[in-house]
């Protein structure tokens, strides 16, 4: 009798499990990455961070790389992304059109800082050593939404009464910092605006030689690119995400090198970017 009761109990449990179907899969945390490098390089250089997040969170983490900054912003706005790594200006733009906020910035062992600079570079052999000599020449920016690759250098030029659209014979948007660096190195353009840390990474990889380049302009400090999340994420999940990013140490992060970790930041840290946008008379909401 006991055996029959035990058998019936097991059969009932098995039947209930079968009727219920397979356990629902845990939805992945989707993380958007800005196209600072080509897509494959960005995925490879972000693998250690993604793997660390998965291990700490105990859930799948799915990276997503768009072809440009607006692709990440649109994915955040349509709630296809949970977390994203954005440039300072693309974050300010995203915060004006999507329900997002900055929560952390990367701090690397090499720089030990949470800011960087924009540079305008030329080839040394061109003889172009200052901004005055760039009049009538060709210029590469990265992306309309790039802080170091467009916003800050454009504002800096305007402070010097230089209108980029009139001052240069041709202006292009290359799509990435690496592409802009190569455009200068390969004589496709006379000058380009790029982030100092990405140029340093290109030099370290042997893509270009520092001795072959001139720096003809340097920006003030720009707050580092933030990690952002959708404000409507579950508060408990936000706490886990913040803790997981804080716990990522001693791994390589894209073009920035080895991480000390991610340190907290706030939306207010990017007011300097908003002020710079005002110099350019940019209507942030109209840009999306």
C-alpha atoms as a PDB file:
ATOM      1  CA  UNK A   1       0.000   0.000   0.000  1.00  0.00           C
ATOM      2  CA  UNK A   2       2.831   2.370   0.915  1.00  0.00           C
ATOM      3  CA  UNK A   3       4.612   1.539  -2.345  1.00  0.00           C
ATOM      4  CA  UNK A   4       1.485   2.263  -4.372  1.00  0.00           C
ATOM      5  CA  UNK A   5       0.986   5.594  -2.558  1.00  0.00           C
ATOM      6  CA  UNK A   6       4.617   6.561  -3.158  1.00  0.00           C
ATOM      7  CA  UNK A   7       4.358   5.583  -6.842  1.00  0.00           C
ATOM      8  CA  UNK A   8       1.145   7.575  -7.233  1.00  0.00           C
ATOM      9  CA  UNK A   9       2.779  10.614  -5.601  1.00  0.00           C
ATOM     10  CA  UNK A  10       5.784  10.478  -7.934  1.00  0.00           C
ATOM     11  CA  UNK A  11       3.547   9.974 -10.977  1.00  0.00           C
ATOM     12  CA  UNK A  12       1.429  12.955  -9.949  1.00  0.00           C
ATOM     13  CA  UNK A  13       4.504  15.182  -9.521  1.00  0.00           C
ATOM     14  CA  UNK A  14       5.872  14.105 -12.913  1.00  0.00           C
ATOM     15  CA  UNK A  15       2.520  14.733 -14.602  1.00  0.00           C
ATOM     16  CA  UNK A  16       2.303  18.224 -13.055  1.00  0.00           C
ATOM     17  CA  UNK A  17       5.798  19.053 -14.251  1.00  0.00           C
ATOM     18  CA  UNK A  18       5.036  17.890 -17.774  1.00  0.00           C
ATOM     19  CA  UNK A  19       1.794  19.858 -17.874  1.00  0.00           C
ATOM     20  CA  UNK A  20       3.552  22.961 -16.627  1.00  0.00           C
ATOM     21  CA  UNK A  21       6.081  22.699 -19.453  1.00  0.00           C
ATOM     22  CA  UNK A  22       9.775  23.647 -19.306  1.00  0.00           C
ATOM     23  CA  UNK A  23      10.921  26.287 -16.811  1.00  0.00           C
ATOM     24  CA  UNK A  24      10.828  29.778 -18.230  1.00  0.00           C
ATOM     25  CA  UNK A  25      14.256  30.939 -19.385  1.00  0.00           C
ATOM     26  CA  UNK A  26      15.738  33.874 -17.507  1.00  0.00           C
ATOM     27  CA  UNK A  27      15.640  36.876 -19.874  1.00  0.00           C
ATOM     28  CA  UNK A  28      19.130  38.247 -20.534  1.00  0.00           C
ATOM     29  CA  UNK A  29      20.356  41.626 -19.366  1.00  0.00           C
ATOM     30  CA  UNK A  30      20.950  43.523 -22.602  1.00  0.00           C
ATOM     31  CA  UNK A  31      23.982  45.828 -22.660  1.00  0.00           C
ATOM     32  CA  UNK A  32      24.586  48.339 -25.454  1.00  0.00           C
ATOM     33  CA  UNK A  33      28.128  49.343 -26.432  1.00  0.00           C
ATOM     34  CA  UNK A  34      29.151  52.471 -28.335  1.00  0.00           C
ATOM     35  CA  UNK A  35      31.076  51.913 -31.576  1.00  0.00           C
ATOM     36  CA  UNK A  36      34.433  53.317 -30.370  1.00  0.00           C
ATOM     37  CA  UNK A  37      36.151  50.577 -32.379  1.00  0.00           C
ATOM     38  CA  UNK A  38      34.944  48.236 -35.113  1.00  0.00           C
ATOM     39  CA  UNK A  39      32.211  45.894 -33.904  1.00  0.00           C
ATOM     40  CA  UNK A  40      34.298  42.725 -33.695  1.00  0.00           C
ATOM     41  CA  UNK A  41      37.088  44.446 -31.755  1.00  0.00           C
ATOM     42  CA  UNK A  42      34.535  45.997 -29.394  1.00  0.00           C
ATOM     43  CA  UNK A  43      33.000  42.589 -28.683  1.00  0.00           C
ATOM     44  CA  UNK A  44      36.383  40.983 -28.075  1.00  0.00           C
ATOM     45  CA  UNK A  45      37.614  43.797 -25.834  1.00  0.00           C
ATOM     46  CA  UNK A  46      34.374  43.774 -23.820  1.00  0.00           C
ATOM     47  CA  UNK A  47      34.192  39.993 -23.343  1.00  0.00           C
ATOM     48  CA  UNK A  48      35.870  39.978 -19.928  1.00  0.00           C
ATOM     49  CA  UNK A  49      33.459  42.622 -18.613  1.00  0.00           C
ATOM     50  CA  UNK A  50      30.417  40.812 -20.015  1.00  0.00           C
ATOM     51  CA  UNK A  51      31.628  37.488 -18.575  1.00  0.00           C
ATOM     52  CA  UNK A  52      32.199  39.088 -15.154  1.00  0.00           C
ATOM     53  CA  UNK A  53      28.704  40.586 -15.172  1.00  0.00           C
ATOM     54  CA  UNK A  54      27.152  37.221 -16.021  1.00  0.00           C
ATOM     55  CA  UNK A  55      29.048  35.498 -13.221  1.00  0.00           C
ATOM     56  CA  UNK A  56      28.194  38.109 -10.593  1.00  0.00           C
ATOM     57  CA  UNK A  57      24.554  38.564 -11.606  1.00  0.00           C
ATOM     58  CA  UNK A  58      23.868  34.876 -12.167  1.00  0.00           C
ATOM     59  CA  UNK A  59      21.974  35.636 -15.368  1.00  0.00           C
ATOM     60  CA  UNK A  60      22.723  35.833 -19.105  1.00  0.00           C
ATOM     61  CA  UNK A  61      24.177  39.142 -20.360  1.00  0.00           C
ATOM     62  CA  UNK A  62      23.759  39.922 -24.044  1.00  0.00           C
ATOM     63  CA  UNK A  63      25.966  42.610 -25.649  1.00  0.00           C
ATOM     64  CA  UNK A  64      24.643  44.782 -28.471  1.00  0.00           C
ATOM     65  CA  UNK A  65      26.717  47.074 -30.702  1.00  0.00           C
ATOM     66  CA  UNK A  66      24.989  49.565 -32.979  1.00  0.00           C
ATOM     67  CA  UNK A  67      26.525  51.130 -36.064  1.00  0.00           C
ATOM     68  CA  UNK A  68      26.354  54.567 -34.447  1.00  0.00           C
ATOM     69  CA  UNK A  69      25.410  56.377 -31.233  1.00  0.00           C
ATOM     70  CA  UNK A  70      21.818  56.970 -32.304  1.00  0.00           C
ATOM     71  CA  UNK A  71      21.328  53.226 -32.674  1.00  0.00           C
ATOM     72  CA  UNK A  72      22.081  52.757 -28.965  1.00  0.00           C
ATOM     73  CA  UNK A  73      19.880  55.706 -27.981  1.00  0.00           C
ATOM     74  CA  UNK A  74      16.955  54.396 -30.018  1.00  0.00           C
ATOM     75  CA  UNK A  75      17.361  50.921 -28.508  1.00  0.00           C
ATOM     76  CA  UNK A  76      17.246  52.447 -25.010  1.00  0.00           C
ATOM     77  CA  UNK A  77      14.212  54.518 -25.867  1.00  0.00           C
ATOM     78  CA  UNK A  78      12.351  51.508 -27.240  1.00  0.00           C
ATOM     79  CA  UNK A  79      13.332  49.486 -24.135  1.00  0.00           C
ATOM     80  CA  UNK A  80      15.344  46.954 -26.149  1.00  0.00           C
ATOM     81  CA  UNK A  81      18.360  47.653 -23.928  1.00  0.00           C
ATOM     82  CA  UNK A  82      18.614  47.590 -20.141  1.00  0.00           C
ATOM     83  CA  UNK A  83      22.076  49.066 -19.712  1.00  0.00           C
ATOM     84  CA  UNK A  84      24.371  50.905 -22.119  1.00  0.00           C
ATOM     85  CA  UNK A  85      27.835  52.394 -22.375  1.00  0.00           C
ATOM     86  CA  UNK A  86      27.515  55.828 -23.947  1.00  0.00           C
ATOM     87  CA  UNK A  87      29.736  58.759 -24.779  1.00  0.00           C
ATOM     88  CA  UNK A  88      29.202  61.875 -22.630  1.00  0.00           C
ATOM     89  CA  UNK A  89      27.242  63.755 -25.298  1.00  0.00           C
ATOM     90  CA  UNK A  90      25.305  60.718 -26.479  1.00  0.00           C
ATOM     91  CA  UNK A  91      24.293  60.207 -22.825  1.00  0.00           C
ATOM     92  CA  UNK A  92      23.081  63.800 -22.533  1.00  0.00           C
ATOM     93  CA  UNK A  93      21.179  63.310 -25.774  1.00  0.00           C
ATOM     94  CA  UNK A  94      19.729  60.006 -24.529  1.00  0.00           C
ATOM     95  CA  UNK A  95      18.671  61.563 -21.214  1.00  0.00           C
ATOM     96  CA  UNK A  96      16.674  64.186 -23.121  1.00  0.00           C
ATOM     97  CA  UNK A  97      14.661  61.655 -25.132  1.00  0.00           C
ATOM     98  CA  UNK A  98      14.712  58.418 -23.109  1.00  0.00           C
ATOM     99  CA  UNK A  99      14.093  57.428 -19.499  1.00  0.00           C
ATOM    100  CA  UNK A 100      17.754  56.768 -18.600  1.00  0.00           C
ATOM    101  CA  UNK A 101      20.346  57.909 -16.068  1.00  0.00           C
ATOM    102  CA  UNK A 102      24.095  57.534 -15.587  1.00  0.00           C
ATOM    103  CA  UNK A 103      25.223  55.398 -12.643  1.00  0.00           C
ATOM    104  CA  UNK A 104      28.922  54.531 -13.096  1.00  0.00           C
ATOM    105  CA  UNK A 105      32.102  55.385 -14.994  1.00  0.00           C
ATOM    106  CA  UNK A 106      35.171  53.275 -15.673  1.00  0.00           C
ATOM    107  CA  UNK A 107      38.429  54.057 -13.928  1.00  0.00           C
ATOM    108  CA  UNK A 108      41.515  52.457 -15.446  1.00  0.00           C
ATOM    109  CA  UNK A 109      44.852  51.554 -13.938  1.00  0.00           C
ATOM    110  CA  UNK A 110      46.650  53.504 -16.657  1.00  0.00           C
ATOM    111  CA  UNK A 111      44.868  56.819 -16.182  1.00  0.00           C
ATOM    112  CA  UNK A 112      43.490  56.517 -12.646  1.00  0.00           C
ATOM    113  CA  UNK A 113      40.939  59.168 -13.614  1.00  0.00           C
ATOM    114  CA  UNK A 114      37.327  59.528 -14.696  1.00  0.00           C
ATOM    115  CA  UNK A 115      37.861  62.138 -17.422  1.00  0.00           C
ATOM    116  CA  UNK A 116      39.646  62.407 -20.764  1.00  0.00           C
ATOM    117  CA  UNK A 117      40.392  64.971 -23.476  1.00  0.00           C
ATOM    118  CA  UNK A 118      39.699  65.591 -27.154  1.00  0.00           C
ATOM    119  CA  UNK A 119      42.602  66.182 -29.518  1.00  0.00           C
ATOM    120  CA  UNK A 120      42.828  67.505 -33.058  1.00  0.00           C
ATOM    121  CA  UNK A 121      45.649  65.692 -34.806  1.00  0.00           C
ATOM    122  CA  UNK A 122      47.520  66.090 -38.095  1.00  0.00           C
ATOM    123  CA  UNK A 123      50.355  64.231 -39.818  1.00  0.00           C
ATOM    124  CA  UNK A 124      53.729  65.688 -38.893  1.00  0.00           C
ATOM    125  CA  UNK A 125      54.962  65.427 -42.478  1.00  0.00           C
ATOM    126  CA  UNK A 126      52.084  67.667 -43.610  1.00  0.00           C
ATOM    127  CA  UNK A 127      53.669  70.627 -41.860  1.00  0.00           C
ATOM    128  CA  UNK A 128      50.298  71.498 -40.277  1.00  0.00           C
ATOM    129  CA  UNK A 129      51.252  72.565 -36.766  1.00  0.00           C
ATOM    130  CA  UNK A 130      48.401  74.818 -35.645  1.00  0.00           C
ATOM    131  CA  UNK A 131      44.727  75.598 -36.243  1.00  0.00           C
ATOM    132  CA  UNK A 132      45.502  78.604 -38.424  1.00  0.00           C
ATOM    133  CA  UNK A 133      47.197  76.335 -40.947  1.00  0.00           C
ATOM    134  CA  UNK A 134      44.107  74.117 -41.156  1.00  0.00           C
ATOM    135  CA  UNK A 135      42.028  76.767 -42.916  1.00  0.00           C
ATOM    136  CA  UNK A 136      40.834  75.356 -46.240  1.00  0.00           C
ATOM    137  CA  UNK A 137      41.950  71.837 -45.329  1.00  0.00           C
ATOM    138  CA  UNK A 138      39.923  68.631 -44.810  1.00  0.00           C
ATOM    139  CA  UNK A 139      38.651  67.617 -41.361  1.00  0.00           C
ATOM    140  CA  UNK A 140      37.242  64.396 -39.899  1.00  0.00           C
ATOM    141  CA  UNK A 141      34.886  64.247 -36.943  1.00  0.00           C
ATOM    142  CA  UNK A 142      33.685  60.937 -35.496  1.00  0.00           C
ATOM    143  CA  UNK A 143      29.918  61.189 -35.126  1.00  0.00           C
ATOM    144  CA  UNK A 144      27.505  64.098 -34.561  1.00  0.00           C
ATOM    145  CA  UNK A 145      26.796  62.682 -31.082  1.00  0.00           C
ATOM    146  CA  UNK A 146      30.437  62.123 -30.087  1.00  0.00           C
ATOM    147  CA  UNK A 147      31.694  64.357 -27.268  1.00  0.00           C
ATOM    148  CA  UNK A 148      35.420  64.161 -27.982  1.00  0.00           C
ATOM    149  CA  UNK A 149      34.980  63.396 -31.665  1.00  0.00           C
ATOM    150  CA  UNK A 150      32.666  66.334 -32.457  1.00  0.00           C
ATOM    151  CA  UNK A 151      30.951  68.305 -29.689  1.00  0.00           C
ATOM    152  CA  UNK A 152      33.911  69.558 -27.652  1.00  0.00           C
ATOM    153  CA  UNK A 153      36.238  70.282 -30.594  1.00  0.00           C
ATOM    154  CA  UNK A 154      33.447  72.104 -32.466  1.00  0.00           C
ATOM    155  CA  UNK A 155      32.674  74.220 -29.403  1.00  0.00           C
ATOM    156  CA  UNK A 156      36.387  74.869 -28.905  1.00  0.00           C
ATOM    157  CA  UNK A 157      36.736  76.039 -32.490  1.00  0.00           C
ATOM    158  CA  UNK A 158      33.705  78.286 -32.201  1.00  0.00           C
ATOM    159  CA  UNK A 159      35.218  79.935 -29.127  1.00  0.00           C
ATOM    160  CA  UNK A 160      38.087  80.873 -31.435  1.00  0.00           C
ATOM    161  CA  UNK A 161      35.575  82.246 -33.991  1.00  0.00           C
ATOM    162  CA  UNK A 162      36.101  79.267 -36.277  1.00  0.00           C
ATOM    163  CA  UNK A 163      33.005  77.823 -37.949  1.00  0.00           C
ATOM    164  CA  UNK A 164      34.017  74.266 -38.941  1.00  0.00           C
ATOM    165  CA  UNK A 165      31.552  74.151 -41.844  1.00  0.00           C
ATOM    166  CA  UNK A 166      33.088  77.267 -43.380  1.00  0.00           C
ATOM    167  CA  UNK A 167      36.680  77.043 -42.188  1.00  0.00           C
ATOM    168  CA  UNK A 168      37.484  73.632 -43.646  1.00  0.00           C
ATOM    169  CA  UNK A 169      37.190  72.755 -47.324  1.00  0.00           C
ATOM    170  CA  UNK A 170      35.462  69.483 -46.451  1.00  0.00           C
ATOM    171  CA  UNK A 171      34.123  67.933 -43.224  1.00  0.00           C
ATOM    172  CA  UNK A 172      33.338  64.223 -42.889  1.00  0.00           C
ATOM    173  CA  UNK A 173      32.021  61.951 -40.122  1.00  0.00           C
ATOM    174  CA  UNK A 174      34.110  58.782 -40.057  1.00  0.00           C
ATOM    175  CA  UNK A 175      31.902  56.741 -37.694  1.00  0.00           C
ATOM    176  CA  UNK A 176      34.604  55.826 -35.160  1.00  0.00           C
ATOM    177  CA  UNK A 177      37.717  57.224 -33.508  1.00  0.00           C
ATOM    178  CA  UNK A 178      39.866  54.483 -35.024  1.00  0.00           C
ATOM    179  CA  UNK A 179      38.579  55.349 -38.497  1.00  0.00           C
ATOM    180  CA  UNK A 180      39.424  59.025 -37.946  1.00  0.00           C
ATOM    181  CA  UNK A 181      42.943  58.183 -36.788  1.00  0.00           C
ATOM    182  CA  UNK A 182      43.484  56.011 -39.859  1.00  0.00           C
ATOM    183  CA  UNK A 183      42.025  58.702 -42.129  1.00  0.00           C
ATOM    184  CA  UNK A 184      44.785  61.054 -40.970  1.00  0.00           C
ATOM    185  CA  UNK A 185      47.505  58.398 -41.090  1.00  0.00           C
ATOM    186  CA  UNK A 186      46.490  57.303 -44.593  1.00  0.00           C
ATOM    187  CA  UNK A 187      46.251  60.897 -45.893  1.00  0.00           C
ATOM    188  CA  UNK A 188      42.514  60.729 -46.490  1.00  0.00           C
ATOM    189  CA  UNK A 189      42.028  63.906 -44.443  1.00  0.00           C
ATOM    190  CA  UNK A 190      44.375  66.585 -43.142  1.00  0.00           C
ATOM    191  CA  UNK A 191      43.108  66.597 -39.552  1.00  0.00           C
ATOM    192  CA  UNK A 192      40.801  64.726 -37.193  1.00  0.00           C
ATOM    193  CA  UNK A 193      39.270  65.130 -33.733  1.00  0.00           C
ATOM    194  CA  UNK A 194      39.717  62.053 -31.513  1.00  0.00           C
ATOM    195  CA  UNK A 195      39.770  61.015 -27.858  1.00  0.00           C
ATOM    196  CA  UNK A 196      43.236  61.057 -26.288  1.00  0.00           C
ATOM    197  CA  UNK A 197      42.853  57.587 -24.761  1.00  0.00           C
ATOM    198  CA  UNK A 198      41.766  56.022 -28.046  1.00  0.00           C
ATOM    199  CA  UNK A 199      44.738  57.594 -29.821  1.00  0.00           C
ATOM    200  CA  UNK A 200      47.007  56.256 -27.061  1.00  0.00           C
ATOM    201  CA  UNK A 201      45.525  52.783 -27.574  1.00  0.00           C
ATOM    202  CA  UNK A 202      46.117  52.999 -31.341  1.00  0.00           C
ATOM    203  CA  UNK A 203      49.735  53.989 -30.715  1.00  0.00           C
ATOM    204  CA  UNK A 204      50.176  51.122 -28.231  1.00  0.00           C
ATOM    205  CA  UNK A 205      48.840  48.663 -30.829  1.00  0.00           C
ATOM    206  CA  UNK A 206      51.212  50.018 -33.483  1.00  0.00           C
ATOM    207  CA  UNK A 207      48.389  51.287 -35.693  1.00  0.00           C
ATOM    208  CA  UNK A 208      50.086  54.718 -35.822  1.00  0.00           C
ATOM    209  CA  UNK A 209      53.313  56.206 -34.502  1.00  0.00           C
ATOM    210  CA  UNK A 210      53.052  59.099 -32.045  1.00  0.00           C
ATOM    211  CA  UNK A 211      56.192  60.597 -33.574  1.00  0.00           C
ATOM    212  CA  UNK A 212      54.394  60.899 -36.924  1.00  0.00           C
ATOM    213  CA  UNK A 213      51.552  63.032 -35.542  1.00  0.00           C
ATOM    214  CA  UNK A 214      51.054  66.602 -34.356  1.00  0.00           C
ATOM    215  CA  UNK A 215      48.482  67.629 -31.756  1.00  0.00           C
ATOM    216  CA  UNK A 216      47.246  71.074 -32.784  1.00  0.00           C
ATOM    217  CA  UNK A 217      44.449  71.489 -30.222  1.00  0.00           C
ATOM    218  CA  UNK A 218      43.533  69.992 -26.833  1.00  0.00           C
ATOM    219  CA  UNK A 219      40.179  70.267 -25.068  1.00  0.00           C
ATOM    220  CA  UNK A 220      39.395  70.882 -21.396  1.00  0.00           C
ATOM    221  CA  UNK A 221      38.577  67.803 -19.296  1.00  0.00           C
ATOM    222  CA  UNK A 222      35.574  65.800 -20.508  1.00  0.00           C
ATOM    223  CA  UNK A 223      33.726  63.562 -18.004  1.00  0.00           C
ATOM    224  CA  UNK A 224      34.321  59.921 -18.817  1.00  0.00           C
ATOM    225  CA  UNK A 225      31.814  57.902 -20.823  1.00  0.00           C
ATOM    226  CA  UNK A 226      29.134  56.610 -18.411  1.00  0.00           C
ATOM    227  CA  UNK A 227      27.323  53.355 -17.913  1.00  0.00           C
ATOM    228  CA  UNK A 228      23.597  54.129 -17.934  1.00  0.00           C
ATOM    229  CA  UNK A 229      20.469  52.170 -17.140  1.00  0.00           C
ATOM    230  CA  UNK A 230      16.791  52.559 -17.816  1.00  0.00           C
ATOM    231  CA  UNK A 231      15.163  54.252 -14.847  1.00  0.00           C
ATOM    232  CA  UNK A 232      12.250  51.813 -14.969  1.00  0.00           C
ATOM    233  CA  UNK A 233      14.397  48.753 -14.182  1.00  0.00           C
ATOM    234  CA  UNK A 234      13.483  46.939 -10.991  1.00  0.00           C
ATOM    235  CA  UNK A 235      15.236  48.691  -8.038  1.00  0.00           C
ATOM    236  CA  UNK A 236      16.557  45.357  -6.730  1.00  0.00           C
ATOM    237  CA  UNK A 237      18.060  44.599 -10.149  1.00  0.00           C
ATOM    238  CA  UNK A 238      19.643  48.067 -10.244  1.00  0.00           C
ATOM    239  CA  UNK A 239      21.346  47.384  -6.920  1.00  0.00           C
ATOM    240  CA  UNK A 240      22.722  44.106  -8.258  1.00  0.00           C
ATOM    241  CA  UNK A 241      23.898  45.762 -11.486  1.00  0.00           C
ATOM    242  CA  UNK A 242      25.654  48.594  -9.615  1.00  0.00           C
ATOM    243  CA  UNK A 243      27.355  46.105  -7.295  1.00  0.00           C
ATOM    244  CA  UNK A 244      28.377  43.905 -10.229  1.00  0.00           C
ATOM    245  CA  UNK A 245      29.994  46.804 -12.104  1.00  0.00           C
ATOM    246  CA  UNK A 246      31.770  47.930  -8.918  1.00  0.00           C
ATOM    247  CA  UNK A 247      33.154  44.404  -8.594  1.00  0.00           C
ATOM    248  CA  UNK A 248      34.701  44.308 -12.078  1.00  0.00           C
ATOM    249  CA  UNK A 249      38.439  44.761 -11.546  1.00  0.00           C
ATOM    250  CA  UNK A 250      41.700  43.852 -13.261  1.00  0.00           C
ATOM    251  CA  UNK A 251      40.102  43.098 -16.637  1.00  0.00           C
ATOM    252  CA  UNK A 252      40.491  44.864 -19.964  1.00  0.00           C
ATOM    253  CA  UNK A 253      37.728  47.263 -21.012  1.00  0.00           C
ATOM    254  CA  UNK A 254      37.685  48.256 -24.678  1.00  0.00           C
ATOM    255  CA  UNK A 255      40.168  50.968 -25.598  1.00  0.00           C
ATOM    256  CA  UNK A 256      40.564  52.093 -21.993  1.00  0.00           C
ATOM    257  CA  UNK A 257      42.904  49.353 -20.795  1.00  0.00           C
ATOM    258  CA  UNK A 258      42.778  47.398 -17.521  1.00  0.00           C
ATOM    259  CA  UNK A 259      40.142  48.478 -15.030  1.00  0.00           C
ATOM    260  CA  UNK A 260      40.538  49.579 -11.441  1.00  0.00           C
ATOM    261  CA  UNK A 261      36.752  49.290 -11.401  1.00  0.00           C
ATOM    262  CA  UNK A 262      33.596  51.264 -12.127  1.00  0.00           C
ATOM    263  CA  UNK A 263      33.006  54.172  -9.752  1.00  0.00           C
ATOM    264  CA  UNK A 264      29.630  55.832  -9.083  1.00  0.00           C
ATOM    265  CA  UNK A 265      28.555  58.910 -11.049  1.00  0.00           C
ATOM    266  CA  UNK A 266      25.412  61.029 -11.377  1.00  0.00           C
ATOM    267  CA  UNK A 267      23.516  62.845 -14.078  1.00  0.00           C
ATOM    268  CA  UNK A 268      24.823  66.186 -12.765  1.00  0.00           C
ATOM    269  CA  UNK A 269      28.407  65.265 -13.704  1.00  0.00           C
ATOM    270  CA  UNK A 270      27.396  65.812 -17.345  1.00  0.00           C
ATOM    271  CA  UNK A 271      26.114  69.370 -16.978  1.00  0.00           C
ATOM    272  CA  UNK A 272      29.421  70.558 -18.479  1.00  0.00           C
ATOM    273  CA  UNK A 273      28.443  68.662 -21.626  1.00  0.00           C
ATOM    274  CA  UNK A 274      25.027  70.343 -21.648  1.00  0.00           C
ATOM    275  CA  UNK A 275      26.712  73.745 -21.303  1.00  0.00           C
ATOM    276  CA  UNK A 276      28.990  72.919 -24.220  1.00  0.00           C
ATOM    277  CA  UNK A 277      25.960  71.972 -26.303  1.00  0.00           C
ATOM    278  CA  UNK A 278      24.530  75.428 -25.588  1.00  0.00           C
ATOM    279  CA  UNK A 279      27.644  77.028 -27.098  1.00  0.00           C
ATOM    280  CA  UNK A 280      26.777  75.184 -30.302  1.00  0.00           C
ATOM    281  CA  UNK A 281      23.097  76.219 -30.033  1.00  0.00           C
ATOM    282  CA  UNK A 282      22.067  72.566 -30.107  1.00  0.00           C
ATOM    283  CA  UNK A 283      18.481  71.618 -29.395  1.00  0.00           C
ATOM    284  CA  UNK A 284      19.083  68.173 -27.924  1.00  0.00           C
ATOM    285  CA  UNK A 285      15.518  66.921 -28.303  1.00  0.00           C
ATOM    286  CA  UNK A 286      15.372  68.085 -31.905  1.00  0.00           C
ATOM    287  CA  UNK A 287      18.442  65.996 -32.714  1.00  0.00           C
ATOM    288  CA  UNK A 288      16.608  62.700 -32.203  1.00  0.00           C
END
